[in-house]
C-alpha atoms as a PDB file:
ATOM      1  CA  MET A   1       7.350 -40.907 -11.668  1.00  0.00           C
ATOM      2  CA  ALA A   2       7.705 -43.243  -8.634  1.00  0.00           C
ATOM      3  CA  PHE A   3       4.010 -44.022  -9.399  1.00  0.00           C
ATOM      4  CA  TRP A   4       4.364 -45.190 -12.801  1.00  0.00           C
ATOM      5  CA  ASN A   5       7.691 -47.022 -11.688  1.00  0.00           C
ATOM      6  CA  LEU A   6       5.252 -49.301  -9.354  1.00  0.00           C
ATOM      7  CA  VAL A   7       2.980 -49.590 -12.479  1.00  0.00           C
ATOM      8  CA  HIS A   8       5.843 -51.007 -14.740  1.00  0.00           C
ATOM      9  CA  LEU A   9       7.094 -53.278 -11.637  1.00  0.00           C
ATOM     10  CA  ILE A  10       3.721 -54.847 -11.188  1.00  0.00           C
ATOM     11  CA  LEU A  11       3.422 -55.782 -14.566  1.00  0.00           C
ATOM     12  CA  GLY A  12       6.704 -57.260 -15.035  1.00  0.00           C
ATOM     13  CA  TYR A  13       5.724 -59.581 -12.232  1.00  0.00           C
ATOM     14  CA  ALA A  14       2.646 -60.342 -13.878  1.00  0.00           C
ATOM     15  CA  ARG A  15       4.147 -61.379 -17.010  1.00  0.00           C
ATOM     16  CA  LYS A  16       6.585 -63.923 -15.008  1.00  0.00           C
ATOM     17  CA  LEU A  17       3.666 -65.153 -13.169  1.00  0.00           C
ATOM     18  CA  ARG A  18       1.381 -65.640 -15.499  1.00  0.00           C
ATOM     19  CA  ARG A  19      -0.908 -67.495 -12.864  1.00  0.00           C
ATOM     20  CA  HIS A  20      -1.422 -64.299 -10.993  1.00  0.00           C
ATOM     21  CA  SER A  21      -1.424 -62.234 -14.130  1.00  0.00           C
ATOM     22  CA  LYS A  22      -5.257 -61.205 -13.749  1.00  0.00           C
ATOM     23  CA  ALA A  23      -4.764 -60.241 -10.054  1.00  0.00           C
ATOM     24  CA  CYS A  24      -1.897 -58.168 -11.249  1.00  0.00           C
ATOM     25  CA  LEU A  25      -3.571 -56.514 -13.871  1.00  0.00           C
ATOM     26  CA  THR A  26      -6.642 -55.509 -11.700  1.00  0.00           C
ATOM     27  CA  LEU A  27      -4.502 -54.305  -9.382  1.00  0.00           C
ATOM     28  CA  VAL A  28      -2.805 -52.282 -11.757  1.00  0.00           C
ATOM     29  CA  LEU A  29      -5.980 -50.821 -12.972  1.00  0.00           C
ATOM     30  CA  ILE A  30      -7.231 -50.305  -8.827  1.00  0.00           C
ATOM     31  CA  LEU A  31      -3.897 -47.988  -8.757  1.00  0.00           C
ATOM     32  CA  ILE A  32      -4.406 -46.188 -11.769  1.00  0.00           C
ATOM     33  CA  ILE A  33      -7.910 -45.041 -10.880  1.00  0.00           C
ATOM     34  CA  LEU A  34      -6.718 -43.950  -7.224  1.00  0.00           C
ATOM     35  CA  TYR A  35      -4.129 -42.006  -9.041  1.00  0.00           C
ATOM     36  CA  LEU A  36      -6.303 -40.431 -11.303  1.00  0.00           C
ATOM     37  CA  ILE A  37      -8.943 -39.623  -8.666  1.00  0.00           C
ATOM     38  CA  PRO A  38      -8.185 -35.634  -7.744  1.00  0.00           C
ATOM     39  CA  THR A  39      -7.182 -35.396  -4.174  1.00  0.00           C
ATOM     40  CA  PRO A  40      -9.439 -33.214  -1.767  1.00  0.00           C
ATOM     41  CA  ARG A  41      -8.561 -29.691  -1.532  1.00  0.00           C
ATOM     42  CA  LYS A  42      -8.454 -28.679   2.214  1.00  0.00           C
ATOM     43  CA  HIS A  43     -10.406 -26.066   3.372  1.00  0.00           C
ATOM     44  CA  TYR A  44      -8.515 -23.458   5.547  1.00  0.00           C
ATOM     45  CA  ASN A  45     -12.035 -22.750   7.475  1.00  0.00           C
ATOM     46  CA  ASP A  46     -10.038 -21.857  10.913  1.00  0.00           C
ATOM     47  CA  PRO A  47      -6.406 -20.445  11.703  1.00  0.00           C
ATOM     48  CA  GLN A  48      -5.758 -23.562  13.744  1.00  0.00           C
ATOM     49  CA  MET A  49      -6.070 -25.572  10.208  1.00  0.00           C
ATOM     50  CA  PHE A  50      -2.973 -23.570   9.076  1.00  0.00           C
ATOM     51  CA  ASP A  51      -0.890 -25.467  11.646  1.00  0.00           C
ATOM     52  CA  LYS A  52       2.559 -27.046  10.130  1.00  0.00           C
ATOM     53  CA  PHE A  53       1.536 -25.251   6.632  1.00  0.00           C
ATOM     54  CA  ASN A  54       4.586 -25.050   4.897  1.00  0.00           C
ATOM     55  CA  ASN A  55       4.701 -21.143   3.664  1.00  0.00           C
ATOM     56  CA  GLU A  56       8.119 -22.127   1.789  1.00  0.00           C
ATOM     57  CA  SER A  57       6.642 -24.690  -1.038  1.00  0.00           C
ATOM     58  CA  GLY A  58       2.871 -23.735  -0.615  1.00  0.00           C
ATOM     59  CA  LEU A  59       0.141 -25.663  -2.244  1.00  0.00           C
ATOM     60  CA  ASP A  60      -0.266 -26.889  -5.829  1.00  0.00           C
ATOM     61  CA  TYR A  61      -3.658 -25.168  -5.881  1.00  0.00           C
ATOM     62  CA  ALA A  62      -4.820 -21.765  -5.169  1.00  0.00           C
ATOM     63  CA  ILE A  63      -6.282 -20.781  -1.443  1.00  0.00           C
ATOM     64  CA  ILE A  64      -6.169 -16.663  -1.547  1.00  0.00           C
ATOM     65  CA  PRO A  65      -8.916 -15.305  -3.717  1.00  0.00           C
ATOM     66  CA  ASN A  66      -8.025 -13.455  -6.751  1.00  0.00           C
ATOM     67  CA  ILE A  67      -9.654 -10.423  -5.239  1.00  0.00           C
ATOM     68  CA  VAL A  68      -7.953  -6.808  -4.897  1.00  0.00           C
ATOM     69  CA  HIS A  69      -8.641  -4.607  -2.373  1.00  0.00           C
ATOM     70  CA  TYR A  70      -7.916  -0.906  -2.001  1.00  0.00           C
ATOM     71  CA  VAL A  71      -9.118   1.505   0.863  1.00  0.00           C
ATOM     72  CA  ILE A  72      -9.883   4.816  -0.288  1.00  0.00           C
ATOM     73  CA  PHE A  73     -10.972   7.717   2.770  1.00  0.00           C
ATOM     74  CA  ASN A  74     -12.384  10.805   2.174  1.00  0.00           C
ATOM     75  CA  ASN A  75     -11.955  11.087  -1.648  1.00  0.00           C
ATOM     76  CA  GLN A  76     -14.689  11.022  -4.579  1.00  0.00           C
ATOM     77  CA  THR A  77     -11.857  10.939  -7.267  1.00  0.00           C
ATOM     78  CA  ILE A  78      -8.736   9.171  -7.963  1.00  0.00           C
ATOM     79  CA  ASP A  79      -5.401  10.791  -8.914  1.00  0.00           C
ATOM     80  CA  PHE A  80      -2.919   9.826 -11.556  1.00  0.00           C
ATOM     81  CA  ILE A  81      -0.750   7.031  -9.524  1.00  0.00           C
ATOM     82  CA  THR A  82      -4.191   5.482  -8.251  1.00  0.00           C
ATOM     83  CA  PHE A  83      -5.497   5.403 -11.978  1.00  0.00           C
ATOM     84  CA  LEU A  84      -2.065   3.968 -13.129  1.00  0.00           C
ATOM     85  CA  SER A  85      -2.441   1.254 -10.006  1.00  0.00           C
ATOM     86  CA  MET A  86      -5.483   0.179 -10.857  1.00  0.00           C
ATOM     87  CA  VAL A  87      -4.902  -0.272 -14.649  1.00  0.00           C
ATOM     88  CA  SER A  88      -1.872  -2.143 -13.829  1.00  0.00           C
ATOM     89  CA  VAL A  89      -4.186  -4.468 -11.683  1.00  0.00           C
ATOM     90  CA  ILE A  90      -6.700  -5.067 -14.477  1.00  0.00           C
ATOM     91  CA  LYS A  91      -4.194  -5.749 -16.938  1.00  0.00           C
ATOM     92  CA  PHE A  92      -1.642  -7.564 -15.235  1.00  0.00           C
ATOM     93  CA  GLN A  93      -3.802  -9.654 -12.088  1.00  0.00           C
ATOM     94  CA  LYS A  94      -6.940  -9.787 -13.967  1.00  0.00           C
ATOM     95  CA  PRO A  95      -8.768 -10.086 -11.003  1.00  0.00           C
ATOM     96  CA  GLU A  96     -12.363 -11.460 -10.439  1.00  0.00           C
ATOM     97  CA  LEU A  97     -12.965  -8.617  -8.474  1.00  0.00           C
ATOM     98  CA  ILE A  98     -11.663  -5.383  -7.382  1.00  0.00           C
ATOM     99  CA  MET A  99     -13.185  -4.226  -3.736  1.00  0.00           C
ATOM    100  CA  ILE A 100     -12.950  -0.582  -3.095  1.00  0.00           C
ATOM    101  CA  HIS A 101     -13.405   0.305   0.548  1.00  0.00           C
ATOM    102  CA  SER A 102     -14.706   3.593   0.946  1.00  0.00           C
ATOM    103  CA  ASN A 103     -16.474   5.602   3.641  1.00  0.00           C
ATOM    104  CA  ILE A 104     -17.706   7.996   0.808  1.00  0.00           C
ATOM    105  CA  GLY A 105     -19.055   5.412  -1.654  1.00  0.00           C
ATOM    106  CA  SER A 106     -18.507   5.632  -5.615  1.00  0.00           C
ATOM    107  CA  LEU A 107     -16.053   7.595  -7.523  1.00  0.00           C
ATOM    108  CA  ARG A 108     -16.152   9.824 -10.265  1.00  0.00           C
ATOM    109  CA  GLY A 109     -13.920  12.023 -12.510  1.00  0.00           C
ATOM    110  CA  TYR A 110     -11.681  12.132 -15.443  1.00  0.00           C
ATOM    111  CA  TYR A 111      -9.113   9.105 -14.373  1.00  0.00           C
ATOM    112  CA  TRP A 112     -12.021   7.061 -12.862  1.00  0.00           C
ATOM    113  CA  ASP A 113     -13.888   7.143 -16.493  1.00  0.00           C
ATOM    114  CA  ILE A 114     -10.738   5.880 -18.009  1.00  0.00           C
ATOM    115  CA  VAL A 115     -10.375   3.272 -15.406  1.00  0.00           C
ATOM    116  CA  GLN A 116     -14.402   2.548 -16.539  1.00  0.00           C
ATOM    117  CA  SER A 117     -13.035   2.418 -20.164  1.00  0.00           C
ATOM    118  CA  LEU A 118     -10.473  -0.391 -19.388  1.00  0.00           C
ATOM    119  CA  LEU A 119     -13.344  -2.569 -17.622  1.00  0.00           C
ATOM    120  CA  SER A 120     -15.829  -2.433 -20.613  1.00  0.00           C
ATOM    121  CA  VAL A 121     -12.898  -4.254 -22.592  1.00  0.00           C
ATOM    122  CA  THR A 122     -11.891  -6.937 -19.654  1.00  0.00           C
ATOM    123  CA  ASN A 123     -13.593  -9.087 -17.459  1.00  0.00           C
ATOM    124  CA  SER A 124     -12.999  -7.450 -14.254  1.00  0.00           C
ATOM    125  CA  SER A 125     -15.521  -5.634 -12.332  1.00  0.00           C
ATOM    126  CA  ILE A 126     -15.449  -3.389  -9.176  1.00  0.00           C
ATOM    127  CA  GLU A 127     -17.485  -3.114  -5.981  1.00  0.00           C
ATOM    128  CA  PHE A 128     -17.822  -0.583  -3.560  1.00  0.00           C
ATOM    129  CA  HIS A 129     -18.241  -1.580  -0.085  1.00  0.00           C
ATOM    130  CA  HIS A 130     -19.160   1.316   2.438  1.00  0.00           C
ATOM    131  CA  THR A 131     -16.421   1.343   5.049  1.00  0.00           C
ATOM    132  CA  PRO A 132     -16.550   3.973   7.825  1.00  0.00           C
ATOM    133  CA  ILE A 133     -13.170   5.372   9.047  1.00  0.00           C
ATOM    134  CA  PRO A 134     -12.127   3.565  12.398  1.00  0.00           C
ATOM    135  CA  THR A 135     -11.419   5.944  15.082  1.00  0.00           C
ATOM    136  CA  HIS A 136     -10.407   3.739  17.602  1.00  0.00           C
ATOM    137  CA  VAL A 137      -8.522   0.521  17.696  1.00  0.00           C
ATOM    138  CA  TYR A 138      -8.910  -1.616  20.966  1.00  0.00           C
ATOM    139  CA  GLY A 139     -10.199   1.572  22.567  1.00  0.00           C
ATOM    140  CA  GLN A 140      -7.179   3.955  22.030  1.00  0.00           C
ATOM    141  CA  LYS A 141      -7.933   6.775  19.725  1.00  0.00           C
ATOM    142  CA  LEU A 142      -6.265   6.547  16.074  1.00  0.00           C
ATOM    143  CA  SER A 143      -3.908   9.215  15.401  1.00  0.00           C
ATOM    144  CA  SER A 144      -4.360   9.813  11.563  1.00  0.00           C
ATOM    145  CA  ILE A 145      -6.058   8.577   8.836  1.00  0.00           C
ATOM    146  CA  TYR A 146      -3.221   6.499   7.569  1.00  0.00           C
ATOM    147  CA  HIS A 147      -3.184   4.519  10.759  1.00  0.00           C
ATOM    148  CA  ALA A 148      -6.641   3.808  10.166  1.00  0.00           C
ATOM    149  CA  SER A 149      -6.003   2.994   7.063  1.00  0.00           C
ATOM    150  CA  ASP A 150      -3.432   0.275   8.423  1.00  0.00           C
ATOM    151  CA  VAL A 151      -6.011  -1.074  10.439  1.00  0.00           C
ATOM    152  CA  THR A 152      -8.880  -1.377   7.979  1.00  0.00           C
ATOM    153  CA  ARG A 153      -6.759  -3.308   5.602  1.00  0.00           C
ATOM    154  CA  ILE A 154      -6.089  -5.916   8.124  1.00  0.00           C
ATOM    155  CA  ASN A 155      -9.815  -6.219   9.166  1.00  0.00           C
ATOM    156  CA  VAL A 156     -10.382  -6.169   5.273  1.00  0.00           C
ATOM    157  CA  LEU A 157      -8.077  -9.059   4.481  1.00  0.00           C
ATOM    158  CA  ILE A 158      -9.555 -11.088   7.911  1.00  0.00           C
ATOM    159  CA  LYS A 159     -13.091 -10.842   6.146  1.00  0.00           C
ATOM    160  CA  HIS A 160     -12.726 -11.646   2.766  1.00  0.00           C
ATOM    161  CA  GLY A 161      -8.821 -12.661   2.098  1.00  0.00           C
ATOM    162  CA  GLY A 162      -7.412 -11.545  -1.302  1.00  0.00           C
ATOM    163  CA  ILE A 163      -4.848  -9.026  -2.391  1.00  0.00           C
ATOM    164  CA  TYR A 164      -4.593  -5.400  -0.788  1.00  0.00           C
ATOM    165  CA  LEU A 165      -2.573  -2.919  -2.552  1.00  0.00           C
ATOM    166  CA  ASP A 166      -2.217   0.589  -1.407  1.00  0.00           C
ATOM    167  CA  THR A 167      -2.845   3.125  -4.109  1.00  0.00           C
ATOM    168  CA  ASP A 168       0.515   3.990  -5.249  1.00  0.00           C
ATOM    169  CA  SER A 169       1.504   0.431  -5.660  1.00  0.00           C
ATOM    170  CA  ILE A 170       1.631  -0.844  -9.056  1.00  0.00           C
ATOM    171  CA  VAL A 171       1.809  -4.514 -10.129  1.00  0.00           C
ATOM    172  CA  LEU A 172       3.845  -5.234 -13.106  1.00  0.00           C
ATOM    173  CA  LYS A 173       3.475  -9.005 -13.119  1.00  0.00           C
ATOM    174  CA  ASN A 174       0.717 -11.815 -12.600  1.00  0.00           C
ATOM    175  CA  LEU A 175       0.452 -12.780  -8.769  1.00  0.00           C
ATOM    176  CA  ASN A 176      -1.307 -15.806  -9.122  1.00  0.00           C
ATOM    177  CA  HIS A 177       1.870 -17.970  -8.356  1.00  0.00           C
ATOM    178  CA  PHE A 178       1.423 -16.202  -4.601  1.00  0.00           C
ATOM    179  CA  LEU A 179      -2.188 -17.542  -4.220  1.00  0.00           C
ATOM    180  CA  HIS A 180      -0.995 -20.716  -3.099  1.00  0.00           C
ATOM    181  CA  PHE A 181       0.183 -19.675   0.269  1.00  0.00           C
ATOM    182  CA  GLU A 182      -1.315 -18.779   3.293  1.00  0.00           C
ATOM    183  CA  MET A 183       0.011 -14.985   3.351  1.00  0.00           C
ATOM    184  CA  VAL A 184       2.517 -13.347   1.118  1.00  0.00           C
ATOM    185  CA  LEU A 185       4.754 -10.013   2.117  1.00  0.00           C
ATOM    186  CA  GLY A 186       7.532  -8.106   1.323  1.00  0.00           C
ATOM    187  CA  TRP A 187      10.047  -8.625   3.859  1.00  0.00           C
ATOM    188  CA  PRO A 188      13.444  -6.947   2.639  1.00  0.00           C
ATOM    189  CA  GLU A 189      16.649  -7.903   4.386  1.00  0.00           C
ATOM    190  CA  THR A 190      17.604  -5.642   7.588  1.00  0.00           C
ATOM    191  CA  GLU A 191      14.225  -3.948   6.904  1.00  0.00           C
ATOM    192  CA  ASP A 192      10.622  -3.858   8.351  1.00  0.00           C
ATOM    193  CA  MET A 193       7.825  -5.845   6.785  1.00  0.00           C
ATOM    194  CA  GLY A 194       5.881  -3.966   3.799  1.00  0.00           C
ATOM    195  CA  SER A 195       2.483  -3.310   4.304  1.00  0.00           C
ATOM    196  CA  GLN A 196       1.620  -2.046   1.093  1.00  0.00           C
ATOM    197  CA  ILE A 197       1.539  -5.045  -0.814  1.00  0.00           C
ATOM    198  CA  LEU A 198      -0.341  -7.838   1.001  1.00  0.00           C
ATOM    199  CA  LEU A 199      -1.757 -11.290  -0.088  1.00  0.00           C
ATOM    200  CA  ALA A 200      -3.783 -13.275   2.288  1.00  0.00           C
ATOM    201  CA  HIS A 201      -6.198 -16.047   3.112  1.00  0.00           C
ATOM    202  CA  LYS A 202      -8.688 -14.663   5.465  1.00  0.00           C
ATOM    203  CA  ASN A 203      -7.890 -17.137   8.061  1.00  0.00           C
ATOM    204  CA  ALA A 204      -4.019 -16.466   7.861  1.00  0.00           C
ATOM    205  CA  ARG A 205      -2.439 -16.584  11.711  1.00  0.00           C
ATOM    206  CA  PHE A 206      -0.501 -13.765  10.918  1.00  0.00           C
ATOM    207  CA  LEU A 207      -3.366 -11.295  10.412  1.00  0.00           C
ATOM    208  CA  ARG A 208      -4.611 -11.761  13.713  1.00  0.00           C
ATOM    209  CA  LEU A 209      -1.051 -11.548  15.450  1.00  0.00           C
ATOM    210  CA  TRP A 210      -0.925  -8.597  13.625  1.00  0.00           C
ATOM    211  CA  LEU A 211      -3.942  -6.900  14.731  1.00  0.00           C
ATOM    212  CA  ASN A 212      -3.539  -7.694  18.383  1.00  0.00           C
ATOM    213  CA  GLY A 213      -0.346  -6.028  18.236  1.00  0.00           C
ATOM    214  CA  TYR A 214      -2.521  -2.965  18.276  1.00  0.00           C
ATOM    215  CA  ARG A 215      -3.418  -3.421  21.781  1.00  0.00           C
ATOM    216  CA  ILE A 216       0.092  -1.698  22.290  1.00  0.00           C
ATOM    217  CA  TYR A 217      -0.478   1.250  20.060  1.00  0.00           C
ATOM    218  CA  LYS A 218       1.940   3.867  19.764  1.00  0.00           C
ATOM    219  CA  PRO A 219       0.140   6.838  17.967  1.00  0.00           C
ATOM    220  CA  THR A 220       3.446   8.935  17.596  1.00  0.00           C
ATOM    221  CA  ILE A 221       5.418   6.745  15.916  1.00  0.00           C
ATOM    222  CA  TRP A 222       4.536   6.080  11.970  1.00  0.00           C
ATOM    223  CA  TYR A 223       5.317   2.668  11.329  1.00  0.00           C
ATOM    224  CA  TYR A 224       5.452   1.281  14.708  1.00  0.00           C
ATOM    225  CA  ASN A 225       2.303  -0.822  14.351  1.00  0.00           C
ATOM    226  CA  ALA A 226       2.296  -1.395  10.661  1.00  0.00           C
ATOM    227  CA  GLY A 227       5.667  -2.505  10.481  1.00  0.00           C
ATOM    228  CA  GLN A 228       8.025  -2.634  13.308  1.00  0.00           C
ATOM    229  CA  TYR A 229       6.123  -4.325  15.701  1.00  0.00           C
ATOM    230  CA  PRO A 230       5.245  -7.234  13.580  1.00  0.00           C
ATOM    231  CA  THR A 231       8.504  -7.726  12.054  1.00  0.00           C
ATOM    232  CA  GLU A 232      10.255  -7.437  15.349  1.00  0.00           C
ATOM    233  CA  GLN A 233       7.668  -9.375  17.730  1.00  0.00           C
ATOM    234  CA  ILE A 234       5.972 -11.545  15.283  1.00  0.00           C
ATOM    235  CA  LEU A 235       7.759 -12.377  12.230  1.00  0.00           C
ATOM    236  CA  GLU A 236      11.466 -12.414  13.340  1.00  0.00           C
ATOM    237  CA  LYS A 237       9.914 -15.097  16.260  1.00  0.00           C
ATOM    238  CA  ARG A 238       7.875 -16.894  13.447  1.00  0.00           C
ATOM    239  CA  PRO A 239       8.747 -16.037  10.083  1.00  0.00           C
ATOM    240  CA  ASP A 240       7.278 -19.437   8.956  1.00  0.00           C
ATOM    241  CA  LEU A 241       3.614 -17.572   9.497  1.00  0.00           C
ATOM    242  CA  VAL A 242       4.407 -16.017   5.784  1.00  0.00           C
ATOM    243  CA  HIS A 243       5.896 -16.425   2.150  1.00  0.00           C
ATOM    244  CA  ARG A 244       8.717 -13.839   2.500  1.00  0.00           C
ATOM    245  CA  VAL A 245       9.562 -12.044  -0.560  1.00  0.00           C
ATOM    246  CA  LYS A 246      12.736 -10.024  -0.297  1.00  0.00           C
ATOM    247  CA  LEU A 247      12.855  -7.704  -2.979  1.00  0.00           C
ATOM    248  CA  LYS A 248      10.747  -8.717  -5.827  1.00  0.00           C
ATOM    249  CA  LEU A 249       7.450  -7.082  -4.297  1.00  0.00           C
ATOM    250  CA  GLY A 250       9.090  -3.542  -4.536  1.00  0.00           C
ATOM    251  CA  VAL A 251       8.420  -2.416  -0.805  1.00  0.00           C
ATOM    252  CA  HIS A 252      11.604  -1.249  -0.223  1.00  0.00           C
ATOM    253  CA  ASN A 253      12.590   2.397  -0.629  1.00  0.00           C
ATOM    254  CA  ILE A 254      13.731   2.752  -4.357  1.00  0.00           C
ATOM    255  CA  LEU A 255      12.658   6.409  -4.626  1.00  0.00           C
ATOM    256  CA  THR A 256      15.655   7.747  -6.067  1.00  0.00           C
ATOM    257  CA  LYS A 257      16.237   5.006  -8.312  1.00  0.00           C
ATOM    258  CA  LEU A 258      12.460   5.473 -10.022  1.00  0.00           C
ATOM    259  CA  HIS A 259      13.149   9.307 -10.509  1.00  0.00           C
ATOM    260  CA  GLU A 260      16.395  10.107 -10.697  1.00  0.00           C
ATOM    261  CA  ASP A 261      18.298   6.838 -12.390  1.00  0.00           C
ATOM    262  CA  PRO A 262      17.346   6.355 -16.037  1.00  0.00           C
ATOM    263  CA  SER A 263      19.649   3.421 -16.301  1.00  0.00           C
ATOM    264  CA  TRP A 264      17.730   1.512 -13.411  1.00  0.00           C
ATOM    265  CA  ASP A 265      15.595  -1.279 -15.467  1.00  0.00           C
ATOM    266  CA  GLU A 266      15.727  -3.520 -12.656  1.00  0.00           C
ATOM    267  CA  TRP A 267      11.808  -2.951 -12.156  1.00  0.00           C
ATOM    268  CA  ARG A 268      11.463  -5.115 -14.935  1.00  0.00           C
ATOM    269  CA  GLU A 269      12.006  -8.191 -12.673  1.00  0.00           C
ATOM    270  CA  PHE A 270       9.477  -7.038 -10.078  1.00  0.00           C
ATOM    271  CA  TYR A 271       5.946  -8.556  -9.434  1.00  0.00           C
ATOM    272  CA  SER A 272       4.810  -5.127  -8.054  1.00  0.00           C
ATOM    273  CA  ILE A 273       6.265  -1.976  -7.021  1.00  0.00           C
ATOM    274  CA  HIS A 274       5.392   0.523  -4.410  1.00  0.00           C
ATOM    275  CA  VAL A 275       6.150   4.310  -5.942  1.00  0.00           C
ATOM    276  CA  LEU A 276       5.970   6.188  -2.724  1.00  0.00           C
ATOM    277  CA  ALA A 277       3.880   8.755  -4.203  1.00  0.00           C
ATOM    278  CA  ARG A 278       3.530  11.034  -1.226  1.00  0.00           C
ATOM    279  CA  HIS A 279       7.352  11.360  -1.345  1.00  0.00           C
ATOM    280  CA  TYR A 280       7.668  12.319  -4.966  1.00  0.00           C
ATOM    281  CA  PRO A 281      10.969  14.330  -5.148  1.00  0.00           C
ATOM    282  CA  GLY A 282       9.981  16.300  -8.259  1.00  0.00           C
ATOM    283  CA  THR A 283       8.170  19.426  -8.677  1.00  0.00           C
ATOM    284  CA  GLU A 284       6.297  18.926 -11.924  1.00  0.00           C
ATOM    285  CA  GLU A 285       2.886  16.969 -11.909  1.00  0.00           C
ATOM    286  CA  MET A 286       3.044  13.530 -12.800  1.00  0.00           C
ATOM    287  CA  ASN A 287       0.196  13.045 -15.156  1.00  0.00           C
ATOM    288  CA  GLU A 288       0.031  11.235 -18.777  1.00  0.00           C
ATOM    289  CA  VAL A 289       1.641  14.272 -20.426  1.00  0.00           C
ATOM    290  CA  SER A 290       4.657  14.865 -17.997  1.00  0.00           C
ATOM    291  CA  MET A 291       5.124  11.133 -18.109  1.00  0.00           C
ATOM    292  CA  MET A 292       5.517  10.923 -22.160  1.00  0.00           C
ATOM    293  CA  THR A 293       8.671  13.035 -22.256  1.00  0.00           C
ATOM    294  CA  SER A 294      10.264  11.600 -19.126  1.00  0.00           C
ATOM    295  CA  GLN A 295      13.311   9.137 -19.211  1.00  0.00           C
ATOM    296  CA  SER A 296      13.079   8.156 -15.627  1.00  0.00           C
ATOM    297  CA  PRO A 297      12.186   4.474 -14.364  1.00  0.00           C
ATOM    298  CA  TYR A 298       8.654   5.698 -13.197  1.00  0.00           C
ATOM    299  CA  ALA A 299       7.904   6.911 -16.572  1.00  0.00           C
ATOM    300  CA  GLN A 300       9.276   4.049 -18.059  1.00  0.00           C
ATOM    301  CA  ILE A 301       6.817   1.765 -15.885  1.00  0.00           C
ATOM    302  CA  TYR A 302       3.807   4.140 -17.035  1.00  0.00           C
ATOM    303  CA  LYS A 303       4.580   3.342 -20.547  1.00  0.00           C
ATOM    304  CA  TYR A 304       4.770  -0.271 -19.908  1.00  0.00           C
ATOM    305  CA  VAL A 305       1.628  -0.432 -18.337  1.00  0.00           C
ATOM    306  CA  LEU A 306      -0.201   1.704 -20.565  1.00  0.00           C
ATOM    307  CA  TYR A 307       1.524   1.511 -24.031  1.00  0.00           C
ATOM    308  CA  GLU A 308       3.395  -1.839 -23.981  1.00  0.00           C
ATOM    309  CA  THR A 309       0.421  -4.267 -22.455  1.00  0.00           C
ATOM    310  CA  ALA A 310      -2.654  -5.069 -23.751  1.00  0.00           C
ATOM    311  CA  PRO A 311      -5.244  -3.817 -23.924  1.00  0.00           C
ATOM    312  CA  TYR A 312      -3.605  -0.773 -25.306  1.00  0.00           C
ATOM    313  CA  PHE A 313      -4.202   2.790 -24.916  1.00  0.00           C
ATOM    314  CA  ASP A 314      -5.045   3.991 -28.682  1.00  0.00           C
ATOM    315  CA  ILE A 315      -2.873   7.289 -28.614  1.00  0.00           C
ATOM    316  CA  HIS A 316      -4.195   7.639 -32.155  1.00  0.00           C
ATOM    317  CA  ASN A 317      -7.895   8.007 -30.688  1.00  0.00           C
ATOM    318  CA  VAL A 318      -7.105  11.229 -28.195  1.00  0.00           C
ATOM    319  CA  VAL A 319      -9.725  13.756 -27.889  1.00  0.00           C
ATOM    320  CA  LEU A 320      -8.807  17.049 -26.074  1.00  0.00           C
ATOM    321  CA  LYS A 321     -11.790  17.451 -23.516  1.00  0.00           C
ATOM    322  CA  GLN A 322     -11.875  20.197 -21.010  1.00  0.00           C
ATOM    323  CA  ASN A 323      -8.175  20.581 -21.537  1.00  0.00           C
ATOM    324  CA  LEU A 324      -7.398  17.021 -20.802  1.00  0.00           C
ATOM    325  CA  HIS A 325      -6.008  14.363 -23.128  1.00  0.00           C
ATOM    326  CA  HIS A 326      -8.642  11.902 -22.783  1.00  0.00           C
ATOM    327  CA  TRP A 327      -7.348   8.540 -23.662  1.00  0.00           C
ATOM    328  CA  VAL A 328      -9.469   5.366 -24.765  1.00  0.00           C
ATOM    329  CA  PHE A 329      -8.784   1.765 -24.966  1.00  0.00           C
ATOM    330  CA  LYS A 330      -8.260  -0.771 -27.592  1.00  0.00           C
ATOM    331  CA  LYS A 331      -7.791  -4.626 -27.019  1.00  0.00           C
ATOM    332  CA  ASN A 332      -5.174  -5.059 -29.900  1.00  0.00           C
END
């Protein structure tokens, strides 16, 4: 708006000062050309280039690649919740690429076959990256495969940048808005940051500080290095290093609401949600059959992802195969 006001001001002077009208018109033409030339986009090839970066406003263009990462160790198949996560990513995020970092290699099985069916009617693709399970961090033995996964996700983002998701994290809206920042994470009020859903440029400053925190590794404290240390020792002192999302990445504990409060529909406002699959309070197995009869918010999310968002599951084309319902996708 200010630019066009300046143009009108110069043209006004040109009309009053006819002797200089050609010079004024030339100046206007030069200004318009300069205005139309796109501003060169900055390439953040070094973490120091993020000094003074504004993680509140971000940029007017994306700097985080639209690549989604999963870390899957010691499994050749995927369960129902991992399947739902992948379907949500393909439908809502539409990534250029999904990278699966695994120590085993390719996946197989019932739910994996359905993911392949979805890929056949979309533009997304999946690559496998052989990733050995780390056993040590800074010379210290890692106490569990879960801590190994914590370290791996940081290293994956430092190498590639992109979007990291735990296999029990569901995407509910497109995340492209967040690709305009240095790094984005869920950090609820009065709680530690969540490491289940992360978006980062590969040179994000926080990633290296976070990894460096593993020099003080506490193997017996479950969430110390993944959440407590980076929150207390880094983020509370330097909140400017990340774009903070307090609620709508869904990394806080909403397990009770998800499974026991059918009236809770706030999930529809979330961009994503971590469903805490390993802490599922029920006794009935979660699958596409049990979810159809449930009225819980979790079941509502399942139906929203599979049946209410294109490409839809074709519920009229169901084939009973090895005592399992085999669903196929259709575009509309």
